[in-house]
PDB file of N, CA and C in Angstrom:
ATOM      1  N   MET A   1       8.921 -14.854 -19.897  1.00  0.00           N
ATOM      2  CA  MET A   1       7.243 -15.143 -18.769  1.00  0.00           C
ATOM      3  C   MET A   1       7.829 -14.190 -17.714  1.00  0.00           C
ATOM      4  N   ILE A   2       9.375 -14.484 -17.484  1.00  0.00           N
ATOM      5  CA  ILE A   2       9.184 -12.779 -16.406  1.00  0.00           C
ATOM      6  C   ILE A   2       9.644 -11.618 -17.266  1.00  0.00           C
ATOM      7  N   GLY A   3       8.687 -11.004 -18.633  1.00  0.00           N
ATOM      8  CA  GLY A   3       8.963 -10.481 -19.359  1.00  0.00           C
ATOM      9  C   GLY A   3       7.615 -10.078 -19.541  1.00  0.00           C
ATOM     10  N   ARG A   4       6.730 -11.152 -19.916  1.00  0.00           N
ATOM     11  CA  ARG A   4       5.157 -10.283 -19.001  1.00  0.00           C
ATOM     12  C   ARG A   4       4.776 -10.559 -18.362  1.00  0.00           C
ATOM     13  N   GLN A   5       5.117 -11.642 -17.249  1.00  0.00           N
ATOM     14  CA  GLN A   5       4.323 -10.972 -15.617  1.00  0.00           C
ATOM     15  C   GLN A   5       4.837  -9.108 -15.661  1.00  0.00           C
ATOM     16  N   LEU A   6       6.431  -8.725 -15.738  1.00  0.00           N
ATOM     17  CA  LEU A   6       6.344  -7.701 -16.007  1.00  0.00           C
ATOM     18  C   LEU A   6       5.556  -6.565 -16.483  1.00  0.00           C
ATOM     19  N   LEU A   7       5.608  -7.329 -18.381  1.00  0.00           N
ATOM     20  CA  LEU A   7       4.460  -6.369 -18.541  1.00  0.00           C
ATOM     21  C   LEU A   7       2.869  -5.973 -18.185  1.00  0.00           C
ATOM     22  N   ARG A   8       2.121  -6.988 -17.996  1.00  0.00           N
ATOM     23  CA  ARG A   8       1.161  -6.891 -17.240  1.00  0.00           C
ATOM     24  C   ARG A   8       0.727  -6.675 -16.117  1.00  0.00           C
ATOM     25  N   SER A   9       1.947  -6.496 -14.966  1.00  0.00           N
ATOM     26  CA  SER A   9       1.777  -5.894 -13.773  1.00  0.00           C
ATOM     27  C   SER A   9       2.023  -3.947 -14.505  1.00  0.00           C
ATOM     28  N   GLY A  10       3.185  -3.703 -14.529  1.00  0.00           N
ATOM     29  CA  GLY A  10       3.254  -2.647 -15.163  1.00  0.00           C
ATOM     30  C   GLY A  10       2.296  -1.859 -15.641  1.00  0.00           C
ATOM     31  N   THR A  11       0.987  -2.342 -17.092  1.00  0.00           N
ATOM     32  CA  THR A  11       0.870  -2.080 -17.181  1.00  0.00           C
ATOM     33  C   THR A  11      -0.556  -1.630 -16.437  1.00  0.00           C
ATOM     34  N   SER A  12      -0.314  -2.085 -15.561  1.00  0.00           N
ATOM     35  CA  SER A  12      -1.968  -2.658 -14.639  1.00  0.00           C
ATOM     36  C   SER A  12      -2.320  -1.279 -13.835  1.00  0.00           C
ATOM     37  N   VAL A  13      -0.435  -1.046 -13.349  1.00  0.00           N
ATOM     38  CA  VAL A  13      -0.552   0.252 -12.293  1.00  0.00           C
ATOM     39  C   VAL A  13      -1.343   1.599 -13.289  1.00  0.00           C
ATOM     40  N   ALA A  14      -1.362   1.264 -14.459  1.00  0.00           N
ATOM     41  CA  ALA A  14      -1.167   2.353 -15.461  1.00  0.00           C
ATOM     42  C   ALA A  14      -3.215   2.261 -15.670  1.00  0.00           C
ATOM     43  N   ALA A  15      -3.100   0.811 -15.576  1.00  0.00           N
ATOM     44  CA  ALA A  15      -5.044   0.990 -15.785  1.00  0.00           C
ATOM     45  C   ALA A  15      -5.769   1.174 -14.172  1.00  0.00           C
ATOM     46  N   ASN A  16      -5.023   0.736 -13.585  1.00  0.00           N
ATOM     47  CA  ASN A  16      -5.578   1.381 -12.158  1.00  0.00           C
ATOM     48  C   ASN A  16      -5.706   2.171 -11.821  1.00  0.00           C
ATOM     49  N   PHE A  17      -4.694   3.301 -12.036  1.00  0.00           N
ATOM     50  CA  PHE A  17      -4.789   4.823 -11.903  1.00  0.00           C
ATOM     51  C   PHE A  17      -5.769   5.807 -11.954  1.00  0.00           C
ATOM     52  N   ARG A  18      -5.854   5.045 -13.728  1.00  0.00           N
ATOM     53  CA  ARG A  18      -7.221   5.943 -14.700  1.00  0.00           C
ATOM     54  C   ARG A  18      -7.755   5.845 -13.992  1.00  0.00           C
ATOM     55  N   GLU A  19      -8.308   4.190 -13.017  1.00  0.00           N
ATOM     56  CA  GLU A  19      -9.823   3.913 -12.236  1.00  0.00           C
ATOM     57  C   GLU A  19      -9.921   4.861 -10.853  1.00  0.00           C
ATOM     58  N   ALA A  20      -8.392   4.738 -10.268  1.00  0.00           N
ATOM     59  CA  ALA A  20      -8.648   5.114  -9.013  1.00  0.00           C
ATOM     60  C   ALA A  20      -9.102   7.265  -9.520  1.00  0.00           C
ATOM     61  N   SER A  21      -8.645   7.940 -10.591  1.00  0.00           N
ATOM     62  CA  SER A  21      -8.748   8.927 -11.157  1.00  0.00           C
ATOM     63  C   SER A  21     -10.252   9.479 -11.529  1.00  0.00           C
ATOM     64  N   ARG A  22     -10.676   8.171 -11.889  1.00  0.00           N
ATOM     65  CA  ARG A  22     -12.677   8.580 -11.513  1.00  0.00           C
ATOM     66  C   ARG A  22     -13.149   7.794 -10.676  1.00  0.00           C
ATOM     67  N   ALA A  23     -12.785   7.294  -9.854  1.00  0.00           N
ATOM     68  CA  ALA A  23     -13.472   7.103  -8.428  1.00  0.00           C
ATOM     69  C   ALA A  23     -14.791   8.082  -8.163  1.00  0.00           C
ATOM     70  N   ARG A  24     -15.705   7.462  -7.772  1.00  0.00           N
ATOM     71  CA  ARG A  24     -16.891   8.031  -7.399  1.00  0.00           C
ATOM     72  C   ARG A  24     -16.877   8.908  -5.849  1.00  0.00           C
ATOM     73  N   THR A  25     -16.491   8.182  -5.279  1.00  0.00           N
ATOM     74  CA  THR A  25     -16.086   7.499  -4.180  1.00  0.00           C
ATOM     75  C   THR A  25     -14.936   8.459  -2.892  1.00  0.00           C
ATOM     76  N   THR A  26     -14.411   8.537  -2.132  1.00  0.00           N
ATOM     77  CA  THR A  26     -12.593   8.480  -1.594  1.00  0.00           C
ATOM     78  C   THR A  26     -12.414   7.106  -0.786  1.00  0.00           C
ATOM     79  N   SER A  27     -13.222   6.411  -0.539  1.00  0.00           N
ATOM     80  CA  SER A  27     -12.650   4.816  -0.465  1.00  0.00           C
ATOM     81  C   SER A  27     -12.973   3.609  -1.775  1.00  0.00           C
ATOM     82  N   GLU A  28     -13.442   4.663  -2.832  1.00  0.00           N
ATOM     83  CA  GLU A  28     -13.178   3.527  -4.195  1.00  0.00           C
ATOM     84  C   GLU A  28     -11.397   4.587  -4.331  1.00  0.00           C
ATOM     85  N   PHE A  29     -11.562   5.281  -5.200  1.00  0.00           N
ATOM     86  CA  PHE A  29     -10.302   6.287  -4.722  1.00  0.00           C
ATOM     87  C   PHE A  29      -9.381   4.947  -4.097  1.00  0.00           C
ATOM     88  N   ILE A  30      -9.419   4.394  -2.690  1.00  0.00           N
ATOM     89  CA  ILE A  30      -8.603   3.864  -1.919  1.00  0.00           C
ATOM     90  C   ILE A  30      -7.806   3.088  -2.409  1.00  0.00           C
ATOM     91  N   SER A  31      -9.116   2.384  -2.579  1.00  0.00           N
ATOM     92  CA  SER A  31      -9.286   0.641  -3.151  1.00  0.00           C
ATOM     93  C   SER A  31      -8.127   0.630  -3.995  1.00  0.00           C
ATOM     94  N   LYS A  32      -8.803   1.463  -5.663  1.00  0.00           N
ATOM     95  CA  LYS A  32      -7.671   1.358  -6.532  1.00  0.00           C
ATOM     96  C   LYS A  32      -6.262   1.723  -6.854  1.00  0.00           C
ATOM     97  N   LEU A  33      -5.733   3.035  -5.644  1.00  0.00           N
ATOM     98  CA  LEU A  33      -5.334   3.644  -5.198  1.00  0.00           C
ATOM     99  C   LEU A  33      -3.741   1.956  -4.899  1.00  0.00           C
ATOM    100  N   GLU A  34      -4.831   1.691  -3.285  1.00  0.00           N
ATOM    101  CA  GLU A  34      -4.095   0.035  -3.421  1.00  0.00           C
ATOM    102  C   GLU A  34      -3.398  -1.295  -3.986  1.00  0.00           C
ATOM    103  N   VAL A  35      -3.757  -0.851  -4.942  1.00  0.00           N
ATOM    104  CA  VAL A  35      -4.279  -1.853  -5.921  1.00  0.00           C
ATOM    105  C   VAL A  35      -2.584  -1.209  -6.944  1.00  0.00           C
ATOM    106  N   CYS A  36      -3.346   0.134  -6.913  1.00  0.00           N
ATOM    107  CA  CYS A  36      -1.538   0.104  -7.235  1.00  0.00           C
ATOM    108  C   CYS A  36      -0.409   0.012  -7.091  1.00  0.00           C
ATOM    109  N   ILE A  37       0.264   0.074  -5.801  1.00  0.00           N
ATOM    110  CA  ILE A  37       0.688  -0.199  -4.654  1.00  0.00           C
ATOM    111  C   ILE A  37       1.544  -1.836  -5.156  1.00  0.00           C
ATOM    112  N   GLN A  38       0.169  -2.291  -5.049  1.00  0.00           N
ATOM    113  CA  GLN A  38       0.229  -3.561  -5.318  1.00  0.00           C
ATOM    114  C   GLN A  38       0.691  -4.027  -6.436  1.00  0.00           C
ATOM    115  N   GLU A  39       0.980  -3.236  -7.464  1.00  0.00           N
ATOM    116  CA  GLU A  39       1.450  -4.096  -8.473  1.00  0.00           C
ATOM    117  C   GLU A  39       2.205  -3.317  -8.970  1.00  0.00           C
ATOM    118  N   ALA A  40       2.477  -2.322  -8.587  1.00  0.00           N
ATOM    119  CA  ALA A  40       3.791  -1.484  -8.122  1.00  0.00           C
ATOM    120  C   ALA A  40       4.381  -2.134  -7.667  1.00  0.00           C
ATOM    121  N   ASP A  41       4.640  -2.244  -6.551  1.00  0.00           N
ATOM    122  CA  ASP A  41       6.114  -3.408  -5.756  1.00  0.00           C
ATOM    123  C   ASP A  41       5.570  -4.485  -6.494  1.00  0.00           C
ATOM    124  N   GLU A  42       5.199  -5.606  -7.446  1.00  0.00           N
ATOM    125  CA  GLU A  42       5.193  -6.835  -8.062  1.00  0.00           C
ATOM    126  C   GLU A  42       6.013  -6.202  -9.208  1.00  0.00           C
ATOM    127  N   THR A  43       6.070  -6.065  -9.968  1.00  0.00           N
ATOM    128  CA  THR A  43       6.806  -5.154 -11.346  1.00  0.00           C
ATOM    129  C   THR A  43       8.036  -4.913 -10.321  1.00  0.00           C
ATOM    130  N   ASP A  44       8.283  -3.655  -9.347  1.00  0.00           N
ATOM    131  CA  ASP A  44       9.392  -4.177  -9.050  1.00  0.00           C
ATOM    132  C   ASP A  44      10.405  -5.885  -8.351  1.00  0.00           C
ATOM    133  N   LEU A  45       9.442  -7.006  -8.098  1.00  0.00           N
ATOM    134  CA  LEU A  45       9.536  -7.788  -8.013  1.00  0.00           C
ATOM    135  C   LEU A  45       9.803  -8.156  -9.737  1.00  0.00           C
ATOM    136  N   TRP A  46       9.273  -7.695 -10.839  1.00  0.00           N
ATOM    137  CA  TRP A  46       9.801  -8.436 -11.876  1.00  0.00           C
ATOM    138  C   TRP A  46      11.372  -8.037 -12.237  1.00  0.00           C
ATOM    139  N   LEU A  47      11.608  -6.664 -11.868  1.00  0.00           N
ATOM    140  CA  LEU A  47      12.226  -6.187 -12.142  1.00  0.00           C
ATOM    141  C   LEU A  47      13.485  -6.460 -11.592  1.00  0.00           C
ATOM    142  N   GLU A  48      12.806  -7.175 -10.360  1.00  0.00           N
ATOM    143  CA  GLU A  48      14.610  -7.354  -8.918  1.00  0.00           C
ATOM    144  C   GLU A  48      14.680  -8.603  -9.931  1.00  0.00           C
ATOM    145  N   LEU A  49      13.763  -9.182 -10.507  1.00  0.00           N
ATOM    146  CA  LEU A  49      14.428 -10.874 -11.743  1.00  0.00           C
ATOM    147  C   LEU A  49      14.907 -10.790 -12.153  1.00  0.00           C
ATOM    148  N   LEU A  50      14.894 -10.077 -13.130  1.00  0.00           N
ATOM    149  CA  LEU A  50      15.843  -9.686 -14.357  1.00  0.00           C
ATOM    150  C   LEU A  50      16.571  -9.439 -13.809  1.00  0.00           C
ATOM    151  N   ARG A  51      17.104  -8.662 -13.323  1.00  0.00           N
ATOM    152  CA  ARG A  51      19.009  -8.181 -13.111  1.00  0.00           C
ATOM    153  C   ARG A  51      19.029  -8.918 -12.000  1.00  0.00           C
ATOM    154  N   ASP A  52      18.669  -9.922 -11.228  1.00  0.00           N
ATOM    155  CA  ASP A  52      19.554 -10.856  -9.702  1.00  0.00           C
ATOM    156  C   ASP A  52      19.351 -12.166 -10.729  1.00  0.00           C
ATOM    157  N   ASP A  53      18.266 -12.330 -11.754  1.00  0.00           N
ATOM    158  CA  ASP A  53      18.532 -14.590 -11.947  1.00  0.00           C
ATOM    159  C   ASP A  53      18.028 -14.301 -13.778  1.00  0.00           C
ATOM    160  N   CYS A  54      18.481 -13.373 -14.282  1.00  0.00           N
ATOM    161  CA  CYS A  54      18.104 -13.603 -15.911  1.00  0.00           C
ATOM    162  C   CYS A  54      19.632 -12.934 -16.376  1.00  0.00           C
ATOM    163  N   GLY A  55      20.247 -11.954 -15.581  1.00  0.00           N
ATOM    164  CA  GLY A  55      22.113 -11.498 -16.147  1.00  0.00           C
ATOM    165  C   GLY A  55      20.756 -10.130 -16.361  1.00  0.00           C
ATOM    166  N   ILE A  56      19.776  -9.458 -16.580  1.00  0.00           N
ATOM    167  CA  ILE A  56      20.052  -8.081 -16.920  1.00  0.00           C
ATOM    168  C   ILE A  56      20.617  -7.249 -16.118  1.00  0.00           C
ATOM    169  N   SER A  57      21.694  -6.396 -16.794  1.00  0.00           N
ATOM    170  CA  SER A  57      22.385  -5.182 -15.838  1.00  0.00           C
ATOM    171  C   SER A  57      21.740  -4.410 -14.716  1.00  0.00           C
ATOM    172  N   ASN A  58      22.191  -4.713 -14.154  1.00  0.00           N
ATOM    173  CA  ASN A  58      21.708  -3.434 -13.169  1.00  0.00           C
ATOM    174  C   ASN A  58      21.981  -2.000 -13.980  1.00  0.00           C
ATOM    175  N   GLU A  59      22.721  -1.660 -14.839  1.00  0.00           N
ATOM    176  CA  GLU A  59      22.604   0.029 -15.074  1.00  0.00           C
ATOM    177  C   GLU A  59      21.369  -0.103 -16.042  1.00  0.00           C
ATOM    178  N   LYS A  60      20.490  -1.231 -16.790  1.00  0.00           N
ATOM    179  CA  LYS A  60      19.896  -1.418 -17.447  1.00  0.00           C
ATOM    180  C   LYS A  60      18.848  -0.901 -16.987  1.00  0.00           C
ATOM    181  N   ILE A  61      18.406  -1.787 -15.292  1.00  0.00           N
ATOM    182  CA  ILE A  61      17.553  -2.133 -14.780  1.00  0.00           C
ATOM    183  C   ILE A  61      16.793  -0.861 -14.013  1.00  0.00           C
ATOM    184  N   LYS A  62      18.273   0.298 -14.308  1.00  0.00           N
ATOM    185  CA  LYS A  62      18.131   1.079 -12.147  1.00  0.00           C
ATOM    186  C   LYS A  62      17.068   2.087 -12.382  1.00  0.00           C
ATOM    187  N   ASP A  63      17.038   2.421 -13.309  1.00  0.00           N
ATOM    188  CA  ASP A  63      16.249   3.076 -12.779  1.00  0.00           C
ATOM    189  C   ASP A  63      15.057   3.286 -13.682  1.00  0.00           C
ATOM    190  N   LEU A  64      14.054   2.183 -14.273  1.00  0.00           N
ATOM    191  CA  LEU A  64      12.974   1.757 -13.960  1.00  0.00           C
ATOM    192  C   LEU A  64      13.189   0.984 -13.109  1.00  0.00           C
ATOM    193  N   LEU A  65      13.618   0.519 -11.472  1.00  0.00           N
ATOM    194  CA  LEU A  65      14.182   0.245 -10.655  1.00  0.00           C
ATOM    195  C   LEU A  65      13.581   1.687  -8.991  1.00  0.00           C
ATOM    196  N   LEU A  66      14.040   2.521  -9.909  1.00  0.00           N
ATOM    197  CA  LEU A  66      13.679   3.972  -9.130  1.00  0.00           C
ATOM    198  C   LEU A  66      11.947   3.935  -9.470  1.00  0.00           C
ATOM    199  N   GLU A  67      11.762   4.393 -10.229  1.00  0.00           N
ATOM    200  CA  GLU A  67      10.443   4.947 -10.646  1.00  0.00           C
ATOM    201  C   GLU A  67       9.076   3.952 -10.333  1.00  0.00           C
ATOM    202  N   ALA A  68      10.198   2.845 -10.352  1.00  0.00           N
ATOM    203  CA  ALA A  68       8.697   1.999  -9.457  1.00  0.00           C
ATOM    204  C   ALA A  68       8.915   1.926  -7.686  1.00  0.00           C
ATOM    205  N   ASN A  69       9.633   2.762  -6.923  1.00  0.00           N
ATOM    206  CA  ASN A  69       9.662   2.815  -5.491  1.00  0.00           C
ATOM    207  C   ASN A  69       9.258   4.054  -5.817  1.00  0.00           C
ATOM    208  N   GLU A  70       9.680   5.130  -6.289  1.00  0.00           N
ATOM    209  CA  GLU A  70       9.053   6.143  -6.819  1.00  0.00           C
ATOM    210  C   GLU A  70       7.140   6.219  -6.694  1.00  0.00           C
ATOM    211  N   LEU A  71       7.210   5.149  -7.648  1.00  0.00           N
ATOM    212  CA  LEU A  71       5.827   4.860  -7.809  1.00  0.00           C
ATOM    213  C   LEU A  71       5.096   4.599  -6.919  1.00  0.00           C
ATOM    214  N   ILE A  72       5.291   3.700  -5.722  1.00  0.00           N
ATOM    215  CA  ILE A  72       5.349   2.720  -4.411  1.00  0.00           C
ATOM    216  C   ILE A  72       5.466   4.208  -3.414  1.00  0.00           C
ATOM    217  N   SER A  73       5.995   5.325  -3.606  1.00  0.00           N
ATOM    218  CA  SER A  73       6.204   6.913  -2.293  1.00  0.00           C
ATOM    219  C   SER A  73       5.449   7.154  -2.663  1.00  0.00           C
ATOM    220  N   ILE A  74       4.332   7.012  -3.923  1.00  0.00           N
ATOM    221  CA  ILE A  74       3.907   8.486  -4.055  1.00  0.00           C
ATOM    222  C   ILE A  74       2.277   7.906  -4.345  1.00  0.00           C
ATOM    223  N   PHE A  75       2.155   6.794  -4.367  1.00  0.00           N
ATOM    224  CA  PHE A  75       1.070   6.610  -4.246  1.00  0.00           C
ATOM    225  C   PHE A  75       0.791   5.967  -2.372  1.00  0.00           C
ATOM    226  N   VAL A  76       1.497   5.309  -1.983  1.00  0.00           N
ATOM    227  CA  VAL A  76       1.079   5.137  -0.482  1.00  0.00           C
ATOM    228  C   VAL A  76       1.263   6.563   0.514  1.00  0.00           C
ATOM    229  N   THR A  77       1.862   7.838   0.111  1.00  0.00           N
ATOM    230  CA  THR A  77       1.788   8.764   0.389  1.00  0.00           C
ATOM    231  C   THR A  77      -0.038   8.988   0.320  1.00  0.00           C
ATOM    232  N   MET A  78      -0.280   9.392  -1.008  1.00  0.00           N
ATOM    233  CA  MET A  78      -1.931   9.501  -1.596  1.00  0.00           C
ATOM    234  C   MET A  78      -2.858   8.429  -0.306  1.00  0.00           C
ATOM    235  N   VAL A  79      -2.508   6.970  -0.169  1.00  0.00           N
ATOM    236  CA  VAL A  79      -3.650   6.682   0.329  1.00  0.00           C
ATOM    237  C   VAL A  79      -3.449   7.343   2.415  1.00  0.00           C
ATOM    238  N   LYS A  80      -2.365   7.935   2.429  1.00  0.00           N
ATOM    239  CA  LYS A  80      -2.647   7.573   3.699  1.00  0.00           C
ATOM    240  C   LYS A  80      -2.733   9.525   4.180  1.00  0.00           C
ATOM    241  N   ARG A  81      -2.957  10.183   3.235  1.00  0.00           N
ATOM    242  CA  ARG A  81      -3.404  11.589   3.335  1.00  0.00           C
ATOM    243  C   ARG A  81      -5.314  10.985   2.778  1.00  0.00           C
ATOM    244  N   SER A  82      -5.475  10.162   1.910  1.00  0.00           N
ATOM    245  CA  SER A  82      -6.813  10.044   1.346  1.00  0.00           C
ATOM    246  C   SER A  82      -7.559   8.756   2.684  1.00  0.00           C
ATOM    247  N   LYS A  83      -6.900   7.822   3.634  1.00  0.00           N
ATOM    248  CA  LYS A  83      -7.907   7.501   4.645  1.00  0.00           C
ATOM    249  C   LYS A  83      -7.792   9.071   6.175  1.00  0.00           C
ATOM    250  N   ALA A  84      -6.435   9.995   6.039  1.00  0.00           N
ATOM    251  CA  ALA A  84      -6.833  10.881   6.110  1.00  0.00           C
ATOM    252  C   ALA A  84      -8.261  11.541   6.654  1.00  0.00           C
ATOM    253  N   THR A  85      -8.521  11.938   5.346  1.00  0.00           N
ATOM    254  CA  THR A  85      -9.485  12.824   4.961  1.00  0.00           C
ATOM    255  C   THR A  85     -10.632  12.466   5.121  1.00  0.00           C
ATOM    256  N   LEU A  86     -10.828  10.516   4.760  1.00  0.00           N
ATOM    257  CA  LEU A  86     -11.721   9.597   4.914  1.00  0.00           C
ATOM    258  C   LEU A  86     -12.404   9.737   6.766  1.00  0.00           C
ATOM    259  N   ASN A  87     -11.447   9.934   7.751  1.00  0.00           N
ATOM    260  CA  ASN A  87     -11.009  10.092   8.775  1.00  0.00           C
ATOM    261  C   ASN A  87     -10.955  11.003   9.855  1.00  0.00           C
ATOM    262  N   SER A  88     -11.255  12.321   9.381  1.00  0.00           N
ATOM    263  CA  SER A  88     -11.405  13.212   9.413  1.00  0.00           C
ATOM    264  C   SER A  88     -13.274  14.215  10.038  1.00  0.00           C
TER     265      SER A  88
END
């Protein structure tokens, strides 16, 4: 069950980023990136659950957790900058 949820949320990040890159407006771009943030955060949750509740070692998951958090940071920065551009 957790593996399926992880796959769903992880692939959703990629799909929504692709949609964001094809956005017609800045508002649409921001909206899709905000979905990327939500899905990356959900992916982070499933990875933490695999580590904490399913006995998957931290060594096997730490790079994926780092990657998920780096993506969240990148998307948050992109949203902030896009909103600043939109409001200027």
